[in-house]
N, C-alpha and C. Protein backbone atom coordinates (compact mmCIF):
# COMPACT_ATOMS: atom_id res chain seq x y z
N MET A 1 8.25 -32.06 -27.77
CA MET A 1 8.73 -33.04 -27.08
C MET A 1 9.04 -34.15 -27.81
N THR A 2 10.15 -34.89 -26.72
CA THR A 2 11.51 -35.66 -27.62
C THR A 2 10.55 -37.28 -28.33
N SER A 3 11.36 -37.78 -29.37
CA SER A 3 10.97 -39.33 -29.16
C SER A 3 12.42 -39.47 -28.81
N THR A 4 12.13 -41.24 -28.81
CA THR A 4 13.83 -41.16 -28.15
C THR A 4 13.48 -42.72 -29.40
N THR A 5 14.19 -43.92 -28.67
CA THR A 5 14.70 -44.83 -29.82
C THR A 5 13.97 -46.32 -28.61
N ASP A 6 14.62 -47.49 -29.75
CA ASP A 6 13.39 -48.15 -28.65
C ASP A 6 15.03 -49.37 -28.84
N GLY A 7 15.96 -49.22 -29.12
CA GLY A 7 16.93 -50.54 -28.40
C GLY A 7 17.24 -50.83 -30.07
N ALA A 8 16.90 -51.05 -31.04
CA ALA A 8 16.17 -51.66 -32.11
C ALA A 8 16.48 -50.92 -33.68
N GLY A 9 16.92 -50.03 -33.53
CA GLY A 9 16.82 -49.25 -34.55
C GLY A 9 15.35 -48.39 -34.79
N GLY A 10 14.49 -48.57 -33.81
CA GLY A 10 13.14 -47.97 -34.32
C GLY A 10 12.89 -46.89 -33.80
N ALA A 11 12.14 -45.63 -34.39
CA ALA A 11 11.80 -44.57 -33.76
C ALA A 11 10.51 -44.58 -33.10
N THR A 12 10.34 -44.35 -31.39
CA THR A 12 9.39 -44.09 -31.00
C THR A 12 8.39 -43.46 -30.53
N THR A 13 7.89 -43.15 -30.99
CA THR A 13 6.61 -41.87 -30.45
C THR A 13 6.40 -41.43 -29.62
N PRO A 14 5.03 -40.99 -28.56
CA PRO A 14 4.38 -41.19 -27.45
C PRO A 14 3.12 -41.51 -27.82
N THR A 15 3.60 -42.50 -29.76
CA THR A 15 1.49 -42.75 -29.53
C THR A 15 2.68 -44.55 -29.65
N GLY A 16 3.73 -44.93 -29.66
CA GLY A 16 4.34 -46.04 -29.94
C GLY A 16 5.14 -46.22 -31.10
N LEU A 17 5.82 -47.32 -31.31
CA LEU A 17 6.94 -46.97 -32.62
C LEU A 17 5.89 -47.29 -33.72
N TRP A 18 7.52 -46.46 -34.28
CA TRP A 18 6.72 -46.08 -35.82
C TRP A 18 7.94 -46.66 -37.05
N ALA A 19 8.45 -47.01 -38.03
CA ALA A 19 9.57 -46.57 -38.82
C ALA A 19 10.53 -47.14 -38.34
N GLY A 20 10.54 -48.39 -37.72
CA GLY A 20 11.68 -49.30 -37.02
C GLY A 20 12.43 -49.63 -37.97
N ALA A 21 13.19 -50.53 -37.17
CA ALA A 21 14.04 -51.41 -37.51
C ALA A 21 14.33 -52.17 -38.91
N ASP A 22 12.99 -52.48 -38.90
CA ASP A 22 12.60 -53.21 -40.29
C ASP A 22 12.02 -53.33 -40.49
N PHE A 23 11.73 -53.65 -41.68
CA PHE A 23 10.01 -52.91 -43.11
C PHE A 23 8.61 -53.30 -42.20
N GLN A 24 7.50 -51.68 -41.85
CA GLN A 24 6.99 -52.51 -41.66
C GLN A 24 5.34 -51.27 -42.31
N GLU A 25 4.76 -52.26 -42.60
CA GLU A 25 3.58 -51.85 -43.48
C GLU A 25 3.10 -50.85 -42.96
N PRO A 26 2.66 -49.04 -43.06
CA PRO A 26 2.55 -48.36 -42.43
C PRO A 26 1.17 -48.37 -42.65
N PRO A 27 0.39 -47.87 -41.57
CA PRO A 27 -1.24 -47.99 -41.60
C PRO A 27 -1.90 -47.11 -42.52
N ARG A 28 -2.59 -47.20 -43.51
CA ARG A 28 -3.06 -46.61 -44.15
C ARG A 28 -4.82 -46.55 -44.28
N THR A 29 -5.72 -45.42 -44.82
CA THR A 29 -6.52 -44.71 -45.19
C THR A 29 -7.29 -46.30 -45.86
N PRO A 30 -9.09 -45.53 -45.87
CA PRO A 30 -9.69 -46.90 -46.70
C PRO A 30 -9.12 -46.72 -48.42
N GLY A 31 -8.93 -45.44 -48.53
CA GLY A 31 -8.42 -45.28 -50.11
C GLY A 31 -6.65 -45.34 -50.62
N GLY A 32 -6.02 -46.17 -49.26
CA GLY A 32 -4.58 -46.75 -49.31
C GLY A 32 -3.81 -45.76 -49.29
N VAL A 33 -4.11 -44.74 -48.55
CA VAL A 33 -3.24 -43.93 -47.93
C VAL A 33 -2.03 -44.53 -47.12
N ALA A 34 -1.04 -44.51 -47.19
CA ALA A 34 0.15 -44.79 -46.23
C ALA A 34 0.21 -43.75 -45.10
N LEU A 35 -0.10 -43.74 -44.33
CA LEU A 35 -0.19 -42.47 -43.07
C LEU A 35 0.96 -42.91 -42.39
N CYS A 36 1.60 -41.40 -42.37
CA CYS A 36 2.84 -40.99 -41.84
C CYS A 36 2.56 -40.74 -39.67
N GLY A 37 3.54 -40.63 -39.39
CA GLY A 37 3.53 -41.07 -37.74
C GLY A 37 2.50 -39.36 -37.56
N ALA A 38 2.61 -38.28 -37.67
CA ALA A 38 2.13 -37.56 -37.09
C ALA A 38 0.39 -37.33 -37.92
N CYS A 39 0.10 -37.73 -38.93
CA CYS A 39 -1.30 -38.80 -39.60
C CYS A 39 -1.89 -39.26 -39.41
N ARG A 40 -1.14 -40.30 -38.82
CA ARG A 40 -1.67 -41.38 -37.94
C ARG A 40 -2.55 -41.75 -37.06
N VAL A 41 -1.63 -40.34 -36.15
CA VAL A 41 -2.66 -39.91 -34.87
C VAL A 41 -4.58 -39.00 -34.70
N VAL A 42 -4.42 -39.44 -36.67
CA VAL A 42 -5.64 -38.53 -36.97
C VAL A 42 -6.36 -39.41 -38.37
N GLY A 43 -5.55 -40.43 -38.24
CA GLY A 43 -6.72 -41.13 -39.46
C GLY A 43 -6.44 -40.46 -41.21
N SER A 44 -6.03 -40.05 -41.26
CA SER A 44 -6.19 -39.58 -42.40
C SER A 44 -5.12 -38.32 -42.43
N CYS A 45 -4.82 -38.08 -43.95
CA CYS A 45 -3.33 -37.28 -43.98
C CYS A 45 -3.75 -35.81 -44.29
N ARG A 46 -3.13 -35.38 -43.40
CA ARG A 46 -3.55 -33.99 -42.75
C ARG A 46 -3.40 -32.78 -44.37
N LEU A 47 -2.47 -33.51 -45.44
CA LEU A 47 -1.80 -32.49 -46.95
C LEU A 47 -3.14 -32.71 -47.53
N GLY A 48 -4.37 -34.04 -47.41
CA GLY A 48 -5.27 -33.84 -48.72
C GLY A 48 -5.31 -34.99 -49.10
N VAL A 49 -4.36 -35.60 -49.36
CA VAL A 49 -3.99 -37.00 -50.21
C VAL A 49 -5.50 -38.83 -49.53
N GLU A 50 -6.36 -38.20 -50.84
CA GLU A 50 -7.04 -39.45 -50.46
C GLU A 50 -7.47 -40.58 -50.71
N GLY A 51 -6.22 -41.44 -52.11
CA GLY A 51 -6.14 -42.08 -52.77
C GLY A 51 -4.82 -42.22 -52.94
N GLU A 52 -3.79 -43.56 -53.22
CA GLU A 52 -3.07 -43.89 -53.40
C GLU A 52 -2.91 -45.13 -54.43
N ARG A 53 -2.41 -45.21 -55.49
CA ARG A 53 -2.86 -46.70 -56.14
C ARG A 53 -1.33 -47.07 -56.81
N LEU A 54 -0.50 -48.13 -57.00
CA LEU A 54 0.04 -48.43 -58.47
C LEU A 54 0.11 -49.10 -59.08
N ASP A 55 -0.28 -48.11 -61.01
CA ASP A 55 -1.03 -48.65 -61.70
C ASP A 55 0.11 -49.89 -62.67
N GLY A 56 -0.37 -50.46 -63.65
CA GLY A 56 0.33 -51.55 -64.23
C GLY A 56 1.35 -50.69 -64.43
N ASP A 57 1.64 -49.81 -64.94
CA ASP A 57 3.16 -49.91 -65.88
C ASP A 57 4.35 -49.38 -64.13
N GLY A 58 3.90 -49.37 -63.19
CA GLY A 58 4.42 -48.82 -62.07
C GLY A 58 4.44 -47.83 -61.80
N VAL A 59 3.32 -46.46 -62.14
CA VAL A 59 3.26 -44.72 -61.78
C VAL A 59 2.65 -45.38 -60.40
N ALA A 60 2.90 -44.87 -59.66
CA ALA A 60 2.10 -44.34 -57.97
C ALA A 60 1.57 -43.45 -59.23
N VAL A 61 -0.46 -43.38 -58.78
CA VAL A 61 -1.02 -42.37 -58.75
C VAL A 61 -2.16 -41.75 -57.32
N PHE A 62 -1.58 -40.78 -56.88
CA PHE A 62 -2.54 -40.10 -55.81
C PHE A 62 -3.25 -38.98 -56.08
N GLU A 63 -4.77 -39.17 -55.79
CA GLU A 63 -5.91 -38.44 -55.93
C GLU A 63 -5.97 -37.88 -54.02
N LEU A 64 -6.16 -36.32 -54.69
CA LEU A 64 -5.93 -34.99 -53.44
C LEU A 64 -6.87 -33.56 -54.32
N VAL A 65 -6.61 -33.21 -52.62
CA VAL A 65 -7.37 -31.98 -53.03
C VAL A 65 -6.85 -31.04 -51.89
N CYS A 66 -6.27 -30.19 -52.09
CA CYS A 66 -5.46 -28.83 -51.08
C CYS A 66 -6.49 -28.49 -50.12
N PRO A 67 -6.27 -29.21 -49.47
CA PRO A 67 -7.64 -28.42 -47.89
C PRO A 67 -7.24 -27.07 -47.74
N ARG A 68 -8.04 -26.37 -47.94
CA ARG A 68 -8.70 -25.07 -47.33
C ARG A 68 -7.87 -24.01 -46.38
N ASN A 69 -7.05 -24.80 -45.80
CA ASN A 69 -6.82 -24.60 -44.18
C ASN A 69 -5.08 -24.42 -44.95
N GLN A 70 -4.32 -24.83 -46.38
CA GLN A 70 -3.21 -24.65 -46.80
C GLN A 70 -3.02 -23.89 -47.53
N GLU A 71 -4.43 -22.46 -47.72
CA GLU A 71 -4.93 -21.37 -49.33
C GLU A 71 -3.37 -21.04 -48.66
N GLY A 72 -2.50 -20.21 -49.84
CA GLY A 72 -1.93 -18.82 -49.41
C GLY A 72 -1.99 -17.22 -49.99
N GLY A 73 -2.65 -18.16 -50.94
CA GLY A 73 -3.64 -16.60 -51.77
C GLY A 73 -4.66 -17.06 -51.46
N PRO A 74 -5.47 -15.94 -52.15
CA PRO A 74 -7.21 -15.86 -52.81
C PRO A 74 -7.41 -17.20 -53.73
N ASN A 75 -8.13 -18.64 -52.83
CA ASN A 75 -8.26 -19.75 -53.41
C ASN A 75 -6.96 -20.74 -54.06
N VAL A 76 -5.91 -19.92 -53.80
CA VAL A 76 -4.80 -21.06 -54.58
C VAL A 76 -3.71 -21.28 -52.65
N ALA A 77 -3.28 -22.30 -53.23
CA ALA A 77 -2.15 -23.56 -52.37
C ALA A 77 -1.23 -22.44 -52.44
N HIS A 78 -0.50 -22.83 -51.07
CA HIS A 78 0.63 -22.53 -50.35
C HIS A 78 1.96 -22.90 -51.06
N GLY A 79 2.58 -22.37 -52.17
CA GLY A 79 3.42 -22.63 -52.55
C GLY A 79 4.79 -23.81 -51.58
N GLY A 80 4.37 -24.01 -50.62
CA GLY A 80 4.90 -24.95 -49.49
C GLY A 80 4.49 -26.19 -49.48
N TRP A 81 2.58 -26.36 -49.78
CA TRP A 81 1.46 -27.38 -49.31
C TRP A 81 1.95 -28.54 -50.59
N THR A 82 2.48 -27.26 -52.29
CA THR A 82 2.78 -28.24 -52.71
C THR A 82 3.76 -29.03 -52.71
N ALA A 83 4.54 -27.56 -52.91
CA ALA A 83 5.77 -29.09 -52.24
C ALA A 83 6.07 -29.82 -51.64
N ALA A 84 5.29 -29.62 -50.15
CA ALA A 84 5.31 -30.75 -49.17
C ALA A 84 4.35 -32.24 -50.18
N VAL A 85 3.48 -31.57 -50.36
CA VAL A 85 2.70 -33.44 -50.64
C VAL A 85 3.05 -33.64 -51.57
N LEU A 86 4.02 -32.87 -53.02
CA LEU A 86 5.28 -34.11 -53.87
C LEU A 86 5.73 -34.06 -53.41
N ASP A 87 6.58 -34.69 -52.20
CA ASP A 87 8.21 -34.59 -51.68
C ASP A 87 6.60 -35.87 -51.01
N ASP A 88 5.50 -36.33 -50.05
CA ASP A 88 5.06 -36.67 -50.34
C ASP A 88 4.46 -38.11 -50.65
N CYS A 89 4.20 -37.28 -52.29
CA CYS A 89 3.92 -38.90 -53.13
C CYS A 89 4.33 -39.08 -53.51
N LEU A 90 5.82 -38.46 -53.88
CA LEU A 90 7.44 -39.39 -54.63
C LEU A 90 8.06 -39.97 -53.92
N GLY A 91 8.21 -39.46 -52.55
CA GLY A 91 8.43 -40.85 -51.64
C GLY A 91 7.79 -41.79 -50.98
N HIS A 92 6.35 -42.11 -51.66
CA HIS A 92 5.56 -42.95 -51.44
C HIS A 92 5.93 -44.15 -53.00
N LEU A 93 6.40 -43.76 -53.57
CA LEU A 93 6.20 -45.03 -54.63
C LEU A 93 7.26 -45.66 -54.18
N PRO A 94 8.46 -45.53 -53.63
CA PRO A 94 9.90 -46.57 -52.66
C PRO A 94 8.84 -47.75 -52.05
N LEU A 95 7.81 -46.67 -50.76
CA LEU A 95 7.09 -47.56 -50.01
C LEU A 95 6.05 -48.48 -51.05
N LEU A 96 5.94 -47.64 -52.05
CA LEU A 96 4.67 -48.53 -52.79
C LEU A 96 5.27 -50.14 -53.25
N HIS A 97 6.24 -49.91 -52.89
CA HIS A 97 7.11 -51.37 -52.95
C HIS A 97 7.80 -51.59 -52.41
N ARG A 98 7.21 -51.32 -51.04
CA ARG A 98 8.02 -51.86 -49.72
C ARG A 98 9.18 -52.29 -49.20
N VAL A 99 9.73 -50.58 -49.68
CA VAL A 99 11.27 -49.49 -49.39
C VAL A 99 10.91 -48.62 -48.77
N LEU A 100 11.28 -48.53 -47.64
CA LEU A 100 11.87 -47.37 -47.40
C LEU A 100 12.47 -46.40 -47.44
N SER A 101 12.36 -44.86 -47.63
CA SER A 101 13.51 -44.45 -47.87
C SER A 101 13.42 -42.84 -47.33
N VAL A 102 14.56 -41.80 -47.68
CA VAL A 102 14.39 -40.76 -47.05
C VAL A 102 14.75 -39.97 -48.12
N THR A 103 13.68 -38.66 -48.23
CA THR A 103 14.20 -37.59 -49.34
C THR A 103 15.72 -36.66 -49.11
N ALA A 104 16.47 -37.22 -50.46
CA ALA A 104 18.37 -36.60 -50.81
C ALA A 104 17.81 -35.12 -51.35
N GLU A 105 17.20 -35.26 -52.45
CA GLU A 105 17.16 -33.53 -52.99
C GLU A 105 15.07 -33.45 -53.68
N LEU A 106 15.13 -32.32 -53.80
CA LEU A 106 14.04 -31.73 -54.12
C LEU A 106 14.14 -30.70 -54.99
N SER A 107 13.72 -31.01 -56.09
CA SER A 107 13.29 -29.95 -57.16
C SER A 107 11.26 -29.58 -57.71
N VAL A 108 11.21 -28.38 -57.42
CA VAL A 108 9.28 -28.24 -57.62
C VAL A 108 9.56 -27.36 -58.94
N SER A 109 8.59 -27.67 -59.95
CA SER A 109 8.73 -26.43 -60.68
C SER A 109 7.21 -25.86 -61.08
N PHE A 110 6.90 -24.98 -60.33
CA PHE A 110 5.71 -24.00 -60.58
C PHE A 110 4.43 -23.82 -61.46
N VAL A 111 3.90 -24.12 -62.53
CA VAL A 111 3.80 -23.73 -63.53
C VAL A 111 2.36 -22.86 -63.55
N LYS A 112 1.40 -23.80 -62.95
CA LYS A 112 0.25 -22.97 -62.59
C LYS A 112 -0.16 -22.18 -61.12
N PRO A 113 -0.66 -21.59 -60.87
CA PRO A 113 -0.89 -22.17 -59.19
C PRO A 113 -2.40 -23.05 -58.71
N VAL A 114 -2.04 -23.94 -57.73
CA VAL A 114 -3.28 -24.74 -57.42
C VAL A 114 -3.81 -24.58 -56.75
N PRO A 115 -5.66 -25.20 -57.19
CA PRO A 115 -6.74 -23.52 -56.84
C PRO A 115 -7.00 -25.22 -55.32
N VAL A 116 -7.13 -24.15 -54.25
CA VAL A 116 -7.43 -25.22 -53.17
C VAL A 116 -9.18 -25.71 -53.53
N GLU A 117 -9.35 -27.04 -52.77
CA GLU A 117 -10.77 -27.75 -52.16
C GLU A 117 -11.00 -27.87 -54.09
N ARG A 118 -9.79 -28.42 -55.36
CA ARG A 118 -10.90 -28.96 -56.54
C ARG A 118 -9.82 -30.23 -56.30
N PRO A 119 -10.92 -31.21 -57.27
CA PRO A 119 -9.39 -32.36 -57.16
C PRO A 119 -8.65 -32.64 -58.34
N LEU A 120 -7.73 -33.12 -57.54
CA LEU A 120 -5.51 -33.18 -58.34
C LEU A 120 -5.74 -34.52 -58.17
N GLU A 121 -4.13 -34.65 -59.18
CA GLU A 121 -4.26 -36.48 -58.94
C GLU A 121 -2.42 -35.78 -59.54
N VAL A 122 -1.50 -36.61 -58.96
CA VAL A 122 0.18 -36.22 -58.60
C VAL A 122 0.16 -37.46 -59.65
N ARG A 123 1.25 -37.89 -60.60
CA ARG A 123 1.79 -38.85 -60.87
C ARG A 123 3.17 -38.78 -60.56
N ALA A 124 3.29 -40.30 -60.18
CA ALA A 124 4.97 -40.10 -59.62
C ALA A 124 5.94 -41.35 -60.40
N TRP A 125 7.07 -41.53 -60.71
CA TRP A 125 7.65 -42.45 -61.74
C TRP A 125 8.95 -42.26 -61.98
N VAL A 126 9.56 -43.52 -61.90
CA VAL A 126 10.84 -43.93 -61.02
C VAL A 126 11.59 -43.70 -62.70
N GLU A 127 12.80 -42.39 -62.59
CA GLU A 127 13.87 -42.32 -64.18
C GLU A 127 14.73 -43.46 -63.83
N ARG A 128 15.05 -43.96 -62.52
CA ARG A 128 16.32 -44.21 -62.57
C ARG A 128 16.77 -44.86 -61.52
N ARG A 129 17.17 -46.34 -61.18
CA ARG A 129 17.53 -46.71 -59.58
C ARG A 129 19.13 -46.76 -59.81
N GLU A 130 19.38 -46.46 -58.72
CA GLU A 130 21.19 -46.45 -58.61
C GLU A 130 21.97 -46.97 -57.24
N GLY A 131 21.50 -47.59 -57.23
CA GLY A 131 22.79 -48.72 -55.40
C GLY A 131 21.00 -48.34 -54.73
N ARG A 132 21.60 -47.68 -53.63
CA ARG A 132 19.97 -47.38 -52.90
C ARG A 132 19.36 -45.95 -53.20
N ARG A 133 20.05 -45.62 -54.06
CA ARG A 133 19.29 -44.07 -54.50
C ARG A 133 18.39 -44.23 -55.68
N TRP A 134 16.66 -43.47 -55.56
CA TRP A 134 15.76 -43.95 -56.37
C TRP A 134 15.44 -42.36 -57.09
N TYR A 135 15.81 -42.10 -58.80
CA TYR A 135 15.90 -41.70 -59.16
C TYR A 135 14.05 -40.67 -59.67
N ILE A 136 13.10 -40.43 -58.99
CA ILE A 136 12.05 -39.92 -59.01
C ILE A 136 11.78 -39.01 -59.51
N ALA A 137 10.74 -39.06 -60.78
CA ALA A 137 9.53 -37.71 -61.28
C ALA A 137 8.25 -38.03 -60.99
N GLY A 138 7.57 -35.99 -61.32
CA GLY A 138 6.16 -36.87 -61.54
C GLY A 138 5.28 -35.51 -61.36
N GLU A 139 4.60 -35.27 -61.70
CA GLU A 139 3.92 -34.23 -62.26
C GLU A 139 2.01 -34.33 -61.44
N MET A 140 2.00 -32.73 -61.00
CA MET A 140 0.42 -32.67 -60.75
C MET A 140 -0.49 -31.90 -61.38
N VAL A 141 -1.38 -33.01 -61.35
CA VAL A 141 -2.90 -31.84 -62.68
C VAL A 141 -4.07 -31.72 -61.88
N LEU A 142 -4.78 -31.08 -62.75
CA LEU A 142 -5.71 -30.17 -62.40
C LEU A 142 -6.85 -31.42 -62.36
N LEU A 143 -8.16 -31.96 -62.54
CA LEU A 143 -8.73 -32.51 -62.78
C LEU A 143 -10.50 -32.08 -62.84
N PRO A 144 -10.72 -32.11 -64.11
CA PRO A 144 -10.40 -33.08 -64.57
C PRO A 144 -10.00 -32.77 -66.09
N THR A 145 -9.75 -32.25 -66.59
CA THR A 145 -8.71 -31.42 -67.48
C THR A 145 -7.99 -31.56 -67.63
N ARG A 146 -6.87 -32.43 -66.47
CA ARG A 146 -5.64 -32.69 -66.70
C ARG A 146 -4.15 -31.31 -66.91
N ALA A 147 -5.06 -30.40 -66.14
CA ALA A 147 -3.81 -29.22 -67.31
C ALA A 147 -2.32 -29.51 -65.81
N VAL A 148 -1.62 -29.25 -66.45
CA VAL A 148 -0.20 -29.38 -65.07
C VAL A 148 -0.23 -28.26 -64.58
N LEU A 149 -0.43 -28.36 -63.27
CA LEU A 149 0.04 -27.31 -62.80
C LEU A 149 1.82 -26.88 -62.19
N ALA A 150 1.73 -28.24 -62.26
CA ALA A 150 3.45 -28.17 -61.18
C ALA A 150 3.91 -29.90 -61.53
N ARG A 151 5.58 -29.79 -61.77
CA ARG A 151 6.46 -30.55 -61.97
C ARG A 151 7.50 -30.96 -61.33
N VAL A 152 8.00 -31.88 -61.00
CA VAL A 152 8.98 -32.16 -59.79
C VAL A 152 9.69 -33.74 -60.18
N SER A 153 10.68 -33.24 -59.72
CA SER A 153 12.10 -34.36 -59.50
C SER A 153 12.74 -34.47 -58.19
N GLY A 154 12.94 -35.45 -57.58
CA GLY A 154 14.07 -35.56 -56.98
C GLY A 154 15.13 -37.18 -57.05
N ILE A 155 15.35 -37.37 -55.21
CA ILE A 155 16.24 -38.21 -55.54
C ILE A 155 15.78 -38.88 -53.52
N TRP A 156 15.51 -40.29 -53.81
CA TRP A 156 15.26 -40.78 -52.58
C TRP A 156 16.04 -42.23 -52.06
N VAL A 157 16.59 -41.77 -50.91
CA VAL A 157 17.74 -42.35 -50.49
C VAL A 157 17.27 -44.24 -49.67
N THR A 158 17.58 -45.08 -50.07
CA THR A 158 16.39 -46.16 -49.08
C THR A 158 17.42 -46.36 -47.64
N ARG A 159 16.19 -46.26 -46.76
CA ARG A 159 16.68 -45.47 -45.40
C ARG A 159 17.47 -47.21 -44.21
N ASP A 160 18.07 -47.24 -44.51
CA ASP A 160 18.92 -47.97 -43.94
C ASP A 160 18.25 -48.39 -41.72
N GLN A 161 18.27 -49.64 -41.32
CA GLN A 161 17.63 -49.85 -39.97
C GLN A 161 17.95 -48.87 -38.60
N GLY A 162 19.70 -48.10 -39.07
CA GLY A 162 19.38 -47.05 -37.71
C GLY A 162 19.37 -45.88 -38.54
N HIS A 163 18.50 -45.16 -39.46
CA HIS A 163 18.77 -44.30 -39.57
C HIS A 163 17.37 -43.23 -38.61
N PHE A 164 17.82 -43.35 -37.97
CA PHE A 164 16.80 -42.58 -36.81
C PHE A 164 16.93 -42.65 -36.10
N ALA A 165 17.79 -43.82 -35.33
CA ALA A 165 18.55 -44.16 -34.27
C ALA A 165 19.74 -42.75 -34.37
N ARG A 166 20.15 -42.79 -35.27
CA ARG A 166 21.94 -41.82 -35.75
C ARG A 166 20.65 -40.61 -35.41
N HIS A 167 20.40 -40.58 -35.85
CA HIS A 167 19.28 -39.01 -35.73
C HIS A 167 18.96 -38.54 -34.38
N GLU A 168 18.75 -39.20 -33.67
CA GLU A 168 18.30 -39.02 -32.55
C GLU A 168 19.96 -39.10 -31.56
N GLU A 169 20.85 -39.88 -31.69
CA GLU A 169 21.82 -39.52 -31.48
C GLU A 169 22.70 -37.92 -31.70
N TRP A 170 22.73 -37.70 -32.80
CA TRP A 170 23.17 -36.50 -33.29
C TRP A 170 22.25 -35.44 -32.59
N LEU A 171 21.22 -35.47 -32.35
CA LEU A 171 19.80 -34.64 -31.84
C LEU A 171 20.65 -34.53 -30.53
N ALA A 172 20.95 -35.97 -29.68
CA ALA A 172 21.09 -35.78 -28.00
C ALA A 172 22.91 -34.73 -28.02
N GLU A 173 23.81 -35.02 -29.23
CA GLU A 173 24.81 -34.58 -29.10
C GLU A 173 24.61 -32.55 -29.18
N GLN A 174 23.54 -31.85 -29.95
CA GLN A 174 23.83 -31.05 -30.18
C GLN A 174 22.68 -30.85 -28.81
N GLU A 175 22.03 -30.97 -28.63
CA GLU A 175 21.11 -30.45 -26.96
C GLU A 175 22.33 -30.35 -26.27
N ALA A 176 23.40 -31.71 -25.92
CA ALA A 176 24.56 -31.01 -25.33
C ALA A 176 25.33 -30.22 -25.25
N ALA A 177 25.97 -30.06 -26.84
CA ALA A 177 26.58 -29.51 -26.90
C ALA A 177 26.15 -27.37 -27.04
N ARG A 178 24.93 -27.46 -26.77
CA ARG A 178 23.87 -25.88 -26.55
C ARG A 178 24.42 -25.85 -24.41
N GLY A 179 24.03 -27.17 -24.34
CA GLY A 179 23.79 -27.08 -23.02
C GLY A 179 22.98 -27.31 -22.04
N GLY A 180 22.21 -27.93 -23.54
CA GLY A 180 20.91 -28.77 -23.06
C GLY A 180 20.05 -27.86 -22.57
N GLY A 181 20.11 -27.05 -22.25
CA GLY A 181 18.71 -25.54 -21.95
C GLY A 181 18.39 -24.79 -22.95
N GLN A 182 17.38 -24.73 -22.74
CA GLN A 182 16.33 -24.36 -24.32
C GLN A 182 16.75 -22.59 -23.88
């Protein structure tokens, strides 16, 4: 399914406009989790994030559980789930500051296997900011012991208003270059 642009720099989906030309507060779950376009449709985070908040020190705290359908090995999360949920959580830190951003780089250190269907916590903090770049780090721990399961760092770039419109234009060029056929 192809999304289109709204002419004002926002992307539209079959369910309507989202991630548009100016800051829009995303829909949130009762636990405060900002929902992306795909999760908005089901009304919850498909990655298993159940709560998110910004603490008094500017650290973002996320409560989550790896769903059984993300199992990679016996009772452990698939590494792709671990990377995806860390990307999502760290990317929400600028959002909690009312800034839209996109991931530029992500580096994950897998310390221990992540158990499925067990309470977890991700904490994320800004190491520094340089212009539009947010250098963010974090870690995932098992609750209640707080054993470190993964460490993560990356760079997020403040998204300008035309980001998704440019992507749609680029994608149309790619389609045209291959003849527009499947």
